[in-house]
């Protein structure tokens, strides 16, 4: 199976000023492409050669896991946004957030705090279990909630390459800004 990065559902400059065209071109065009290219090379001749991405993330380790995890994580990340996005989720996801966290604002506060506190590089995720219960998961490096039996619903990349050109060392500012471009229709379907 040949893996590919997900096609961007918007132009490379469409998320400005939250995420600059330069950041999209480097993050999506270079970093994400490297993970995909590495994964395609690494799986040749292994038991993962014909496996889907989710299976590889759940069952692999080492370099294969790192590149599969980053491929999946970035596919989810880049499709979570849209120009003029933001606002709040509706329907079942909104109900689950309010039930689990008390309010959408409280959820965002907890999510941002978790993302800001990831040591080094990694991800912060909104994930759900088999019963639909939500949790905020902090993952280092290529980590994904799939490895814990959870389904990733929304992930924010806290690797420096995702924000440093636009926010320098101000990771919390980056996290707060991302809420203004969320595509809640896409994220709600994952729930």
C-alpha atoms as a PDB file:
ATOM      1  CA  UNK A   1       0.000   0.000   0.000  1.00  0.00           C
ATOM      2  CA  UNK A   2       1.400   3.400  -0.947  1.00  0.00           C
ATOM      3  CA  UNK A   3       0.669   6.125   1.558  1.00  0.00           C
ATOM      4  CA  UNK A   4       0.007   9.708   0.593  1.00  0.00           C
ATOM      5  CA  UNK A   5      -0.513  12.863   2.556  1.00  0.00           C
ATOM      6  CA  UNK A   6      -4.080  14.068   2.610  1.00  0.00           C
ATOM      7  CA  UNK A   7      -4.908  16.788   0.088  1.00  0.00           C
ATOM      8  CA  UNK A   8      -5.340  20.192   1.693  1.00  0.00           C
ATOM      9  CA  UNK A   9      -8.994  21.251   1.563  1.00  0.00           C
ATOM     10  CA  UNK A  10      -7.929  24.915   1.253  1.00  0.00           C
ATOM     11  CA  UNK A  11      -5.234  27.051  -0.392  1.00  0.00           C
ATOM     12  CA  UNK A  12      -1.861  27.332   1.369  1.00  0.00           C
ATOM     13  CA  UNK A  13      -2.594  30.961   2.296  1.00  0.00           C
ATOM     14  CA  UNK A  14      -6.227  30.418   3.323  1.00  0.00           C
ATOM     15  CA  UNK A  15      -5.598  30.080   7.072  1.00  0.00           C
ATOM     16  CA  UNK A  16      -3.697  33.363   7.435  1.00  0.00           C
ATOM     17  CA  UNK A  17      -3.092  35.029   9.818  1.00  0.00           C
ATOM     18  CA  UNK A  18      -3.556  32.052  12.166  1.00  0.00           C
ATOM     19  CA  UNK A  19      -1.217  29.833  10.139  1.00  0.00           C
ATOM     20  CA  UNK A  20       0.893  31.562   7.503  1.00  0.00           C
ATOM     21  CA  UNK A  21       1.369  30.384   3.938  1.00  0.00           C
ATOM     22  CA  UNK A  22       5.075  29.910   4.713  1.00  0.00           C
ATOM     23  CA  UNK A  23       4.271  27.634   7.662  1.00  0.00           C
ATOM     24  CA  UNK A  24       1.801  25.577   5.603  1.00  0.00           C
ATOM     25  CA  UNK A  25       4.319  25.233   2.785  1.00  0.00           C
ATOM     26  CA  UNK A  26       7.046  24.034   5.159  1.00  0.00           C
ATOM     27  CA  UNK A  27       4.906  22.037   7.591  1.00  0.00           C
ATOM     28  CA  UNK A  28       2.594  20.370   5.091  1.00  0.00           C
ATOM     29  CA  UNK A  29       4.813  20.528   2.028  1.00  0.00           C
ATOM     30  CA  UNK A  30       8.108  19.436   3.613  1.00  0.00           C
ATOM     31  CA  UNK A  31       7.686  17.913   7.089  1.00  0.00           C
ATOM     32  CA  UNK A  32       4.485  15.996   6.345  1.00  0.00           C
ATOM     33  CA  UNK A  33       5.805  14.829   2.978  1.00  0.00           C
ATOM     34  CA  UNK A  34       8.973  13.523   4.629  1.00  0.00           C
ATOM     35  CA  UNK A  35       6.960  11.393   7.074  1.00  0.00           C
ATOM     36  CA  UNK A  36       4.948   9.922   4.184  1.00  0.00           C
ATOM     37  CA  UNK A  37       8.041   9.260   2.080  1.00  0.00           C
ATOM     38  CA  UNK A  38       9.863   7.641   4.996  1.00  0.00           C
ATOM     39  CA  UNK A  39       6.878   5.453   5.853  1.00  0.00           C
ATOM     40  CA  UNK A  40       6.577   4.224   2.264  1.00  0.00           C
ATOM     41  CA  UNK A  41      10.249   3.190   2.304  1.00  0.00           C
ATOM     42  CA  UNK A  42      10.182   1.634   5.770  1.00  0.00           C
ATOM     43  CA  UNK A  43       7.189  -0.688   5.298  1.00  0.00           C
ATOM     44  CA  UNK A  44       8.535  -2.421   2.199  1.00  0.00           C
ATOM     45  CA  UNK A  45       9.135  -6.073   3.010  1.00  0.00           C
ATOM     46  CA  UNK A  46       7.522  -5.867   6.477  1.00  0.00           C
ATOM     47  CA  UNK A  47       4.214  -7.165   7.800  1.00  0.00           C
ATOM     48  CA  UNK A  48       2.949  -3.592   7.438  1.00  0.00           C
ATOM     49  CA  UNK A  49       3.542  -3.364   3.695  1.00  0.00           C
ATOM     50  CA  UNK A  50      -0.179  -3.799   2.921  1.00  0.00           C
ATOM     51  CA  UNK A  51      -1.643  -2.598   6.233  1.00  0.00           C
ATOM     52  CA  UNK A  52      -3.739   0.514   6.641  1.00  0.00           C
ATOM     53  CA  UNK A  53      -2.356   3.496   8.505  1.00  0.00           C
ATOM     54  CA  UNK A  54      -4.409   2.980  11.671  1.00  0.00           C
ATOM     55  CA  UNK A  55      -3.238  -0.634  11.985  1.00  0.00           C
ATOM     56  CA  UNK A  56       0.380   0.414  11.594  1.00  0.00           C
ATOM     57  CA  UNK A  57      -0.002   3.067  14.301  1.00  0.00           C
ATOM     58  CA  UNK A  58      -1.606   0.548  16.675  1.00  0.00           C
ATOM     59  CA  UNK A  59       0.847  -2.293  16.073  1.00  0.00           C
ATOM     60  CA  UNK A  60       4.249  -0.882  15.120  1.00  0.00           C
ATOM     61  CA  UNK A  61       7.132   0.669  16.996  1.00  0.00           C
ATOM     62  CA  UNK A  62      10.380   2.476  16.264  1.00  0.00           C
ATOM     63  CA  UNK A  63      10.853   4.309  12.986  1.00  0.00           C
ATOM     64  CA  UNK A  64       7.791   2.741  11.348  1.00  0.00           C
ATOM     65  CA  UNK A  65       5.574   3.912  14.227  1.00  0.00           C
ATOM     66  CA  UNK A  66       7.097   7.388  14.256  1.00  0.00           C
ATOM     67  CA  UNK A  67       6.499   7.955  10.553  1.00  0.00           C
ATOM     68  CA  UNK A  68       3.076   6.270  10.492  1.00  0.00           C
ATOM     69  CA  UNK A  69       2.000   8.216  13.568  1.00  0.00           C
ATOM     70  CA  UNK A  70       3.140  11.497  12.102  1.00  0.00           C
ATOM     71  CA  UNK A  71       1.481  10.711   8.765  1.00  0.00           C
ATOM     72  CA  UNK A  72      -1.854   9.948  10.446  1.00  0.00           C
ATOM     73  CA  UNK A  73      -1.558  12.818  12.924  1.00  0.00           C
ATOM     74  CA  UNK A  74      -0.862  15.347  10.198  1.00  0.00           C
ATOM     75  CA  UNK A  75      -3.648  14.001   7.968  1.00  0.00           C
ATOM     76  CA  UNK A  76      -6.065  14.594  10.845  1.00  0.00           C
ATOM     77  CA  UNK A  77      -4.529  17.937  11.777  1.00  0.00           C
ATOM     78  CA  UNK A  78      -4.573  19.559   8.353  1.00  0.00           C
ATOM     79  CA  UNK A  79      -8.174  18.498   7.659  1.00  0.00           C
ATOM     80  CA  UNK A  80      -9.406  19.949  10.967  1.00  0.00           C
ATOM     81  CA  UNK A  81      -9.226  23.518   9.663  1.00  0.00           C
ATOM     82  CA  UNK A  82     -11.010  25.785   7.241  1.00  0.00           C
ATOM     83  CA  UNK A  83     -10.892  29.468   6.376  1.00  0.00           C
ATOM     84  CA  UNK A  84     -13.354  31.413   8.518  1.00  0.00           C
ATOM     85  CA  UNK A  85     -13.827  28.386  10.768  1.00  0.00           C
ATOM     86  CA  UNK A  86     -14.099  28.457  14.504  1.00  0.00           C
ATOM     87  CA  UNK A  87     -17.138  29.008  16.611  1.00  0.00           C
ATOM     88  CA  UNK A  88     -18.384  26.071  18.631  1.00  0.00           C
ATOM     89  CA  UNK A  89     -19.346  22.503  17.820  1.00  0.00           C
ATOM     90  CA  UNK A  90     -23.006  21.584  17.616  1.00  0.00           C
ATOM     91  CA  UNK A  91     -25.025  18.440  18.161  1.00  0.00           C
ATOM     92  CA  UNK A  92     -23.665  15.326  19.824  1.00  0.00           C
ATOM     93  CA  UNK A  93     -20.081  16.560  20.069  1.00  0.00           C
ATOM     94  CA  UNK A  94     -21.207  19.761  21.793  1.00  0.00           C
ATOM     95  CA  UNK A  95     -23.334  17.728  24.206  1.00  0.00           C
ATOM     96  CA  UNK A  96     -20.424  15.405  24.995  1.00  0.00           C
ATOM     97  CA  UNK A  97     -18.036  18.318  25.572  1.00  0.00           C
ATOM     98  CA  UNK A  98     -20.485  20.053  27.887  1.00  0.00           C
ATOM     99  CA  UNK A  99     -21.126  16.819  29.780  1.00  0.00           C
ATOM    100  CA  UNK A 100     -17.430  15.977  30.187  1.00  0.00           C
ATOM    101  CA  UNK A 101     -15.943  19.437  30.755  1.00  0.00           C
ATOM    102  CA  UNK A 102     -18.862  21.582  31.959  1.00  0.00           C
ATOM    103  CA  UNK A 103     -18.740  24.015  29.020  1.00  0.00           C
ATOM    104  CA  UNK A 104     -16.992  24.599  25.738  1.00  0.00           C
ATOM    105  CA  UNK A 105     -14.939  27.413  27.262  1.00  0.00           C
ATOM    106  CA  UNK A 106     -13.785  25.149  30.104  1.00  0.00           C
ATOM    107  CA  UNK A 107     -12.860  22.465  27.564  1.00  0.00           C
ATOM    108  CA  UNK A 108     -10.787  24.937  25.527  1.00  0.00           C
ATOM    109  CA  UNK A 109      -9.049  26.126  28.680  1.00  0.00           C
ATOM    110  CA  UNK A 110      -8.122  22.563  29.696  1.00  0.00           C
ATOM    111  CA  UNK A 111      -7.113  21.620  26.144  1.00  0.00           C
ATOM    112  CA  UNK A 112      -4.878  24.689  25.761  1.00  0.00           C
ATOM    113  CA  UNK A 113      -3.265  24.077  29.156  1.00  0.00           C
ATOM    114  CA  UNK A 114      -2.561  20.453  28.228  1.00  0.00           C
ATOM    115  CA  UNK A 115      -1.052  21.470  24.881  1.00  0.00           C
ATOM    116  CA  UNK A 116       1.101  24.158  26.446  1.00  0.00           C
ATOM    117  CA  UNK A 117       2.432  21.681  29.003  1.00  0.00           C
ATOM    118  CA  UNK A 118       3.554  18.952  26.578  1.00  0.00           C
ATOM    119  CA  UNK A 119       7.278  18.705  27.222  1.00  0.00           C
ATOM    120  CA  UNK A 120       9.254  18.996  24.028  1.00  0.00           C
ATOM    121  CA  UNK A 121       7.486  17.966  20.837  1.00  0.00           C
ATOM    122  CA  UNK A 122       4.159  16.229  20.546  1.00  0.00           C
ATOM    123  CA  UNK A 123       0.411  16.545  20.283  1.00  0.00           C
ATOM    124  CA  UNK A 124      -2.640  17.334  22.365  1.00  0.00           C
ATOM    125  CA  UNK A 125      -5.775  15.415  21.439  1.00  0.00           C
ATOM    126  CA  UNK A 126      -9.475  15.350  22.108  1.00  0.00           C
ATOM    127  CA  UNK A 127     -10.241  11.640  22.012  1.00  0.00           C
ATOM    128  CA  UNK A 128     -13.243   9.423  22.643  1.00  0.00           C
ATOM    129  CA  UNK A 129     -13.571   5.939  24.033  1.00  0.00           C
ATOM    130  CA  UNK A 130     -15.891   3.215  22.734  1.00  0.00           C
ATOM    131  CA  UNK A 131     -18.778   4.681  24.750  1.00  0.00           C
ATOM    132  CA  UNK A 132     -18.290   8.199  23.406  1.00  0.00           C
ATOM    133  CA  UNK A 133     -16.725   9.568  26.595  1.00  0.00           C
ATOM    134  CA  UNK A 134     -14.245  12.321  25.801  1.00  0.00           C
ATOM    135  CA  UNK A 135     -10.786  12.897  27.219  1.00  0.00           C
ATOM    136  CA  UNK A 136      -7.849  15.197  26.609  1.00  0.00           C
ATOM    137  CA  UNK A 137      -4.706  13.216  25.817  1.00  0.00           C
ATOM    138  CA  UNK A 138      -1.158  14.553  25.777  1.00  0.00           C
ATOM    139  CA  UNK A 139       1.184  12.609  23.514  1.00  0.00           C
ATOM    140  CA  UNK A 140       4.885  13.053  22.932  1.00  0.00           C
ATOM    141  CA  UNK A 141       6.531  12.862  19.522  1.00  0.00           C
ATOM    142  CA  UNK A 142       4.310  10.862  17.110  1.00  0.00           C
ATOM    143  CA  UNK A 143       1.849   9.679  19.768  1.00  0.00           C
ATOM    144  CA  UNK A 144      -1.790   9.141  18.891  1.00  0.00           C
ATOM    145  CA  UNK A 145      -4.741   8.083  21.115  1.00  0.00           C
ATOM    146  CA  UNK A 146      -5.234   4.992  18.910  1.00  0.00           C
ATOM    147  CA  UNK A 147      -2.417   3.330  20.865  1.00  0.00           C
ATOM    148  CA  UNK A 148      -4.616   3.558  23.995  1.00  0.00           C
ATOM    149  CA  UNK A 149      -7.721   2.165  22.295  1.00  0.00           C
ATOM    150  CA  UNK A 150      -9.183   5.652  21.825  1.00  0.00           C
ATOM    151  CA  UNK A 151     -10.377   7.448  18.704  1.00  0.00           C
ATOM    152  CA  UNK A 152      -8.714  10.775  17.878  1.00  0.00           C
ATOM    153  CA  UNK A 153     -11.304  13.505  17.319  1.00  0.00           C
ATOM    154  CA  UNK A 154      -9.195  16.687  17.252  1.00  0.00           C
ATOM    155  CA  UNK A 155      -5.433  17.111  17.506  1.00  0.00           C
ATOM    156  CA  UNK A 156      -3.236  20.178  17.806  1.00  0.00           C
ATOM    157  CA  UNK A 157       0.375  19.813  16.757  1.00  0.00           C
ATOM    158  CA  UNK A 158       2.771  21.234  19.353  1.00  0.00           C
ATOM    159  CA  UNK A 159       5.977  20.431  17.498  1.00  0.00           C
ATOM    160  CA  UNK A 160       7.833  23.687  16.957  1.00  0.00           C
ATOM    161  CA  UNK A 161       7.687  23.298  13.177  1.00  0.00           C
ATOM    162  CA  UNK A 162       3.923  23.798  13.375  1.00  0.00           C
ATOM    163  CA  UNK A 163       4.095  27.278  14.873  1.00  0.00           C
ATOM    164  CA  UNK A 164       7.602  28.685  15.269  1.00  0.00           C
ATOM    165  CA  UNK A 165       7.663  30.848  12.126  1.00  0.00           C
ATOM    166  CA  UNK A 166       4.397  32.515  13.155  1.00  0.00           C
ATOM    167  CA  UNK A 167       4.556  32.494  16.968  1.00  0.00           C
ATOM    168  CA  UNK A 168       8.238  31.880  17.820  1.00  0.00           C
ATOM    169  CA  UNK A 169       8.273  30.419  21.361  1.00  0.00           C
ATOM    170  CA  UNK A 170       4.686  31.462  22.158  1.00  0.00           C
ATOM    171  CA  UNK A 171       3.055  28.027  21.968  1.00  0.00           C
ATOM    172  CA  UNK A 172       0.052  29.108  24.106  1.00  0.00           C
ATOM    173  CA  UNK A 173      -0.732  31.916  21.632  1.00  0.00           C
ATOM    174  CA  UNK A 174      -0.617  29.426  18.776  1.00  0.00           C
ATOM    175  CA  UNK A 175      -2.995  27.068  20.583  1.00  0.00           C
ATOM    176  CA  UNK A 176      -5.491  29.858  21.326  1.00  0.00           C
ATOM    177  CA  UNK A 177      -5.420  31.065  17.719  1.00  0.00           C
ATOM    178  CA  UNK A 178      -6.212  27.622  16.246  1.00  0.00           C
ATOM    179  CA  UNK A 179      -9.755  27.717  17.656  1.00  0.00           C
ATOM    180  CA  UNK A 180     -10.560  30.402  15.075  1.00  0.00           C
ATOM    181  CA  UNK A 181     -10.037  28.048  12.122  1.00  0.00           C
ATOM    182  CA  UNK A 182     -11.530  24.732  13.334  1.00  0.00           C
ATOM    183  CA  UNK A 183     -13.836  22.996  10.866  1.00  0.00           C
ATOM    184  CA  UNK A 184     -16.372  21.694  13.360  1.00  0.00           C
ATOM    185  CA  UNK A 185     -18.278  19.774  10.662  1.00  0.00           C
ATOM    186  CA  UNK A 186     -15.210  17.593  10.003  1.00  0.00           C
ATOM    187  CA  UNK A 187     -14.330  17.233  13.683  1.00  0.00           C
ATOM    188  CA  UNK A 188     -17.931  16.366  14.644  1.00  0.00           C
ATOM    189  CA  UNK A 189     -18.018  13.586  12.029  1.00  0.00           C
ATOM    190  CA  UNK A 190     -14.992  12.009  13.720  1.00  0.00           C
ATOM    191  CA  UNK A 191     -16.941  11.921  16.951  1.00  0.00           C
END
